[in-house]
Amino acid sequence: MALRLLYLIFLQLVGRLALLGRSSAAAKDVELLVLRHEVAVLRRTNPRPRPD
């Protein structure tokens, strides 16, 4: 379990370092794409309620 925690922390650090290497506009574009993907996944998994 500790090894998995270290692995996840390492992934977060590498991701942050990758964002630092990009320009701020590119980082914002990537964040927007990730958020749009997350919203799309949530919309697929949670259907809209039907009005009665």
PDB file of N, CA and C in Angstrom:
ATOM      1  N   MET A   1       0.821  -1.180   0.000  1.00  0.00           N
ATOM      2  CA  MET A   1       0.000   0.000   0.000  1.00  0.00           C
ATOM      3  C   MET A   1       0.874   1.256   0.000  1.00  0.00           C
ATOM      4  N   ALA A   2       1.946   1.217   0.751  1.00  0.00           N
ATOM      5  CA  ALA A   2       2.853   2.357   0.800  1.00  0.00           C
ATOM      6  C   ALA A   2       3.511   2.574  -0.567  1.00  0.00           C
ATOM      7  N   LEU A   3       3.802   1.488  -1.247  1.00  0.00           N
ATOM      8  CA  LEU A   3       4.416   1.598  -2.569  1.00  0.00           C
ATOM      9  C   LEU A   3       3.454   2.260  -3.551  1.00  0.00           C
ATOM     10  N   ARG A   4       2.190   1.914  -3.475  1.00  0.00           N
ATOM     11  CA  ARG A   4       1.188   2.530  -4.353  1.00  0.00           C
ATOM     12  C   ARG A   4       1.063   4.018  -4.053  1.00  0.00           C
ATOM     13  N   LEU A   5       1.085   4.382  -2.776  1.00  0.00           N
ATOM     14  CA  LEU A   5       1.003   5.789  -2.394  1.00  0.00           C
ATOM     15  C   LEU A   5       2.197   6.571  -2.937  1.00  0.00           C
ATOM     16  N   LEU A   6       3.377   6.000  -2.823  1.00  0.00           N
ATOM     17  CA  LEU A   6       4.571   6.646  -3.367  1.00  0.00           C
ATOM     18  C   LEU A   6       4.474   6.788  -4.883  1.00  0.00           C
ATOM     19  N   TYR A   7       3.936   5.775  -5.537  1.00  0.00           N
ATOM     20  CA  TYR A   7       3.769   5.810  -6.990  1.00  0.00           C
ATOM     21  C   TYR A   7       2.817   6.928  -7.386  1.00  0.00           C
ATOM     22  N   LEU A   8       1.697   7.065  -6.682  1.00  0.00           N
ATOM     23  CA  LEU A   8       0.727   8.107  -7.000  1.00  0.00           C
ATOM     24  C   LEU A   8       1.305   9.502  -6.751  1.00  0.00           C
ATOM     25  N   ILE A   9       2.054   9.649  -5.680  1.00  0.00           N
ATOM     26  CA  ILE A   9       2.710  10.934  -5.405  1.00  0.00           C
ATOM     27  C   ILE A   9       3.713  11.248  -6.503  1.00  0.00           C
ATOM     28  N   PHE A  10       4.460  10.246  -6.928  1.00  0.00           N
ATOM     29  CA  PHE A  10       5.429  10.441  -8.006  1.00  0.00           C
ATOM     30  C   PHE A  10       4.734  10.887  -9.288  1.00  0.00           C
ATOM     31  N   LEU A  11       3.597  10.267  -9.606  1.00  0.00           N
ATOM     32  CA  LEU A  11       2.856  10.651 -10.811  1.00  0.00           C
ATOM     33  C   LEU A  11       2.370  12.096 -10.729  1.00  0.00           C
ATOM     34  N   GLN A  12       1.909  12.495  -9.560  1.00  0.00           N
ATOM     35  CA  GLN A  12       1.464  13.875  -9.386  1.00  0.00           C
ATOM     36  C   GLN A  12       2.620  14.853  -9.577  1.00  0.00           C
ATOM     37  N   LEU A  13       3.764  14.533  -9.027  1.00  0.00           N
ATOM     38  CA  LEU A  13       4.932  15.401  -9.158  1.00  0.00           C
ATOM     39  C   LEU A  13       5.377  15.510 -10.614  1.00  0.00           C
ATOM     40  N   VAL A  14       5.407  14.400 -11.308  1.00  0.00           N
ATOM     41  CA  VAL A  14       5.808  14.414 -12.717  1.00  0.00           C
ATOM     42  C   VAL A  14       4.807  15.222 -13.540  1.00  0.00           C
ATOM     43  N   GLY A  15       3.535  15.075 -13.247  1.00  0.00           N
ATOM     44  CA  GLY A  15       2.517  15.848 -13.950  1.00  0.00           C
ATOM     45  C   GLY A  15       2.669  17.338 -13.720  1.00  0.00           C
ATOM     46  N   ARG A  16       2.957  17.712 -12.493  1.00  0.00           N
ATOM     47  CA  ARG A  16       3.154  19.141 -12.184  1.00  0.00           C
ATOM     48  C   ARG A  16       4.400  19.683 -12.873  1.00  0.00           C
ATOM     49  N   LEU A  17       5.455  18.896 -12.899  1.00  0.00           N
ATOM     50  CA  LEU A  17       6.676  19.335 -13.570  1.00  0.00           C
ATOM     51  C   LEU A  17       6.451  19.494 -15.072  1.00  0.00           C
ATOM     52  N   ALA A  18       5.645  18.613 -15.642  1.00  0.00           N
ATOM     53  CA  ALA A  18       5.339  18.723 -17.067  1.00  0.00           C
ATOM     54  C   ALA A  18       4.559  19.994 -17.354  1.00  0.00           C
ATOM     55  N   LEU A  19       3.652  20.367 -16.451  1.00  0.00           N
ATOM     56  CA  LEU A  19       2.894  21.600 -16.641  1.00  0.00           C
ATOM     57  C   LEU A  19       3.789  22.828 -16.514  1.00  0.00           C
ATOM     58  N   LEU A  20       4.778  22.758 -15.644  1.00  0.00           N
ATOM     59  CA  LEU A  20       5.691  23.892 -15.488  1.00  0.00           C
ATOM     60  C   LEU A  20       6.496  24.130 -16.759  1.00  0.00           C
ATOM     61  N   GLY A  21       6.793  23.074 -17.488  1.00  0.00           N
ATOM     62  CA  GLY A  21       7.576  23.188 -18.705  1.00  0.00           C
ATOM     63  C   GLY A  21       6.813  23.793 -19.863  1.00  0.00           C
ATOM     64  N   ARG A  22       5.514  23.843 -19.774  1.00  0.00           N
ATOM     65  CA  ARG A  22       4.690  24.389 -20.853  1.00  0.00           C
ATOM     66  C   ARG A  22       4.414  25.864 -20.605  1.00  0.00           C
ATOM     67  N   SER A  23       4.002  26.538 -21.646  1.00  0.00           N
ATOM     68  CA  SER A  23       3.590  27.931 -21.480  1.00  0.00           C
ATOM     69  C   SER A  23       2.257  27.957 -20.733  1.00  0.00           C
ATOM     70  N   SER A  24       1.923  29.090 -20.178  1.00  0.00           N
ATOM     71  CA  SER A  24       0.683  29.168 -19.401  1.00  0.00           C
ATOM     72  C   SER A  24      -0.548  28.959 -20.283  1.00  0.00           C
ATOM     73  N   ALA A  25      -0.502  29.406 -21.526  1.00  0.00           N
ATOM     74  CA  ALA A  25      -1.645  29.211 -22.430  1.00  0.00           C
ATOM     75  C   ALA A  25      -1.840  27.736 -22.752  1.00  0.00           C
ATOM     76  N   ALA A  26      -0.737  27.018 -22.966  1.00  0.00           N
ATOM     77  CA  ALA A  26      -0.839  25.587 -23.264  1.00  0.00           C
ATOM     78  C   ALA A  26      -1.355  24.831 -22.049  1.00  0.00           C
ATOM     79  N   ALA A  27      -0.917  25.225 -20.863  1.00  0.00           N
ATOM     80  CA  ALA A  27      -1.375  24.557 -19.642  1.00  0.00           C
ATOM     81  C   ALA A  27      -2.867  24.768 -19.449  1.00  0.00           C
ATOM     82  N   LYS A  28      -3.338  25.981 -19.734  1.00  0.00           N
ATOM     83  CA  LYS A  28      -4.770  26.246 -19.595  1.00  0.00           C
ATOM     84  C   LYS A  28      -5.569  25.432 -20.605  1.00  0.00           C
ATOM     85  N   ASP A  29      -5.049  25.300 -21.818  1.00  0.00           N
ATOM     86  CA  ASP A  29      -5.727  24.501 -22.835  1.00  0.00           C
ATOM     87  C   ASP A  29      -5.845  23.045 -22.402  1.00  0.00           C
ATOM     88  N   VAL A  30      -4.783  22.514 -21.826  1.00  0.00           N
ATOM     89  CA  VAL A  30      -4.796  21.126 -21.365  1.00  0.00           C
ATOM     90  C   VAL A  30      -5.796  20.961 -20.230  1.00  0.00           C
ATOM     91  N   GLU A  31      -5.823  21.909 -19.299  1.00  0.00           N
ATOM     92  CA  GLU A  31      -6.772  21.830 -18.196  1.00  0.00           C
ATOM     93  C   GLU A  31      -8.207  21.860 -18.701  1.00  0.00           C
ATOM     94  N   LEU A  32      -8.481  22.715 -19.687  1.00  0.00           N
ATOM     95  CA  LEU A  32      -9.826  22.777 -20.252  1.00  0.00           C
ATOM     96  C   LEU A  32     -10.215  21.466 -20.924  1.00  0.00           C
ATOM     97  N   LEU A  33      -9.283  20.873 -21.651  1.00  0.00           N
ATOM     98  CA  LEU A  33      -9.575  19.590 -22.296  1.00  0.00           C
ATOM     99  C   LEU A  33      -9.868  18.507 -21.270  1.00  0.00           C
ATOM    100  N   VAL A  34      -9.102  18.479 -20.195  1.00  0.00           N
ATOM    101  CA  VAL A  34      -9.322  17.478 -19.148  1.00  0.00           C
ATOM    102  C   VAL A  34     -10.681  17.690 -18.503  1.00  0.00           C
ATOM    103  N   LEU A  35     -11.016  18.930 -18.197  1.00  0.00           N
ATOM    104  CA  LEU A  35     -12.315  19.206 -17.573  1.00  0.00           C
ATOM    105  C   LEU A  35     -13.474  18.845 -18.498  1.00  0.00           C
ATOM    106  N   ARG A  36     -13.333  19.145 -19.788  1.00  0.00           N
ATOM    107  CA  ARG A  36     -14.393  18.779 -20.741  1.00  0.00           C
ATOM    108  C   ARG A  36     -14.565  17.267 -20.813  1.00  0.00           C
ATOM    109  N   HIS A  37     -13.447  16.548 -20.769  1.00  0.00           N
ATOM    110  CA  HIS A  37     -13.521  15.086 -20.799  1.00  0.00           C
ATOM    111  C   HIS A  37     -14.217  14.571 -19.548  1.00  0.00           C
ATOM    112  N   GLU A  38     -13.872  15.129 -18.381  1.00  0.00           N
ATOM    113  CA  GLU A  38     -14.500  14.683 -17.142  1.00  0.00           C
ATOM    114  C   GLU A  38     -16.001  14.930 -17.163  1.00  0.00           C
ATOM    115  N   VAL A  39     -16.408  16.086 -17.671  1.00  0.00           N
ATOM    116  CA  VAL A  39     -17.843  16.393 -17.766  1.00  0.00           C
ATOM    117  C   VAL A  39     -18.535  15.431 -18.718  1.00  0.00           C
ATOM    118  N   ALA A  40     -17.894  15.125 -19.830  1.00  0.00           N
ATOM    119  CA  ALA A  40     -18.491  14.188 -20.791  1.00  0.00           C
ATOM    120  C   ALA A  40     -18.657  12.807 -20.171  1.00  0.00           C
ATOM    121  N   VAL A  41     -17.680  12.366 -19.412  1.00  0.00           N
ATOM    122  CA  VAL A  41     -17.778  11.055 -18.759  1.00  0.00           C
ATOM    123  C   VAL A  41     -18.906  11.068 -17.736  1.00  0.00           C
ATOM    124  N   LEU A  42     -19.007  12.127 -16.964  1.00  0.00           N
ATOM    125  CA  LEU A  42     -20.082  12.208 -15.967  1.00  0.00           C
ATOM    126  C   LEU A  42     -21.460  12.236 -16.625  1.00  0.00           C
ATOM    127  N   ARG A  43     -21.569  12.908 -17.753  1.00  0.00           N
ATOM    128  CA  ARG A  43     -22.859  12.942 -18.448  1.00  0.00           C
ATOM    129  C   ARG A  43     -23.247  11.566 -18.959  1.00  0.00           C
ATOM    130  N   ARG A  44     -22.267  10.786 -19.384  1.00  0.00           N
ATOM    131  CA  ARG A  44     -22.566   9.437 -19.883  1.00  0.00           C
ATOM    132  C   ARG A  44     -22.954   8.505 -18.750  1.00  0.00           C
ATOM    133  N   THR A  45     -22.343   8.672 -17.584  1.00  0.00           N
ATOM    134  CA  THR A  45     -22.606   7.740 -16.490  1.00  0.00           C
ATOM    135  C   THR A  45     -23.860   8.100 -15.711  1.00  0.00           C
ATOM    136  N   ASN A  46     -24.250   9.378 -15.689  1.00  0.00           N
ATOM    137  CA  ASN A  46     -25.437   9.813 -14.956  1.00  0.00           C
ATOM    138  C   ASN A  46     -26.463  10.350 -15.943  1.00  0.00           C
ATOM    139  N   PRO A  47     -27.441   9.535 -16.297  1.00  0.00           N
ATOM    140  CA  PRO A  47     -28.445  10.013 -17.253  1.00  0.00           C
ATOM    141  C   PRO A  47     -29.293  11.122 -16.640  1.00  0.00           C
ATOM    142  N   ARG A  48     -29.828  11.972 -17.513  1.00  0.00           N
ATOM    143  CA  ARG A  48     -30.672  13.062 -17.041  1.00  0.00           C
ATOM    144  C   ARG A  48     -31.990  12.499 -16.529  1.00  0.00           C
ATOM    145  N   PRO A  49     -32.511  13.115 -15.465  1.00  0.00           N
ATOM    146  CA  PRO A  49     -33.827  12.660 -14.990  1.00  0.00           C
ATOM    147  C   PRO A  49     -34.923  13.079 -15.958  1.00  0.00           C
ATOM    148  N   ARG A  50     -35.872  12.193 -16.143  1.00  0.00           N
ATOM    149  CA  ARG A  50     -36.979  12.475 -17.059  1.00  0.00           C
ATOM    150  C   ARG A  50     -38.103  13.190 -16.315  1.00  0.00           C
ATOM    151  N   PRO A  51     -38.614  14.259 -16.877  1.00  0.00           N
ATOM    152  CA  PRO A  51     -39.725  14.953 -16.211  1.00  0.00           C
ATOM    153  C   PRO A  51     -40.994  14.086 -16.275  1.00  0.00           C
ATOM    154  N   ASP A  52     -41.685  14.067 -15.182  1.00  0.00           N
ATOM    155  CA  ASP A  52     -42.920  13.268 -15.125  1.00  0.00           C
ATOM    156  C   ASP A  52     -44.144  14.123 -15.401  1.00  0.00           C
TER     157      ASP A  52
END
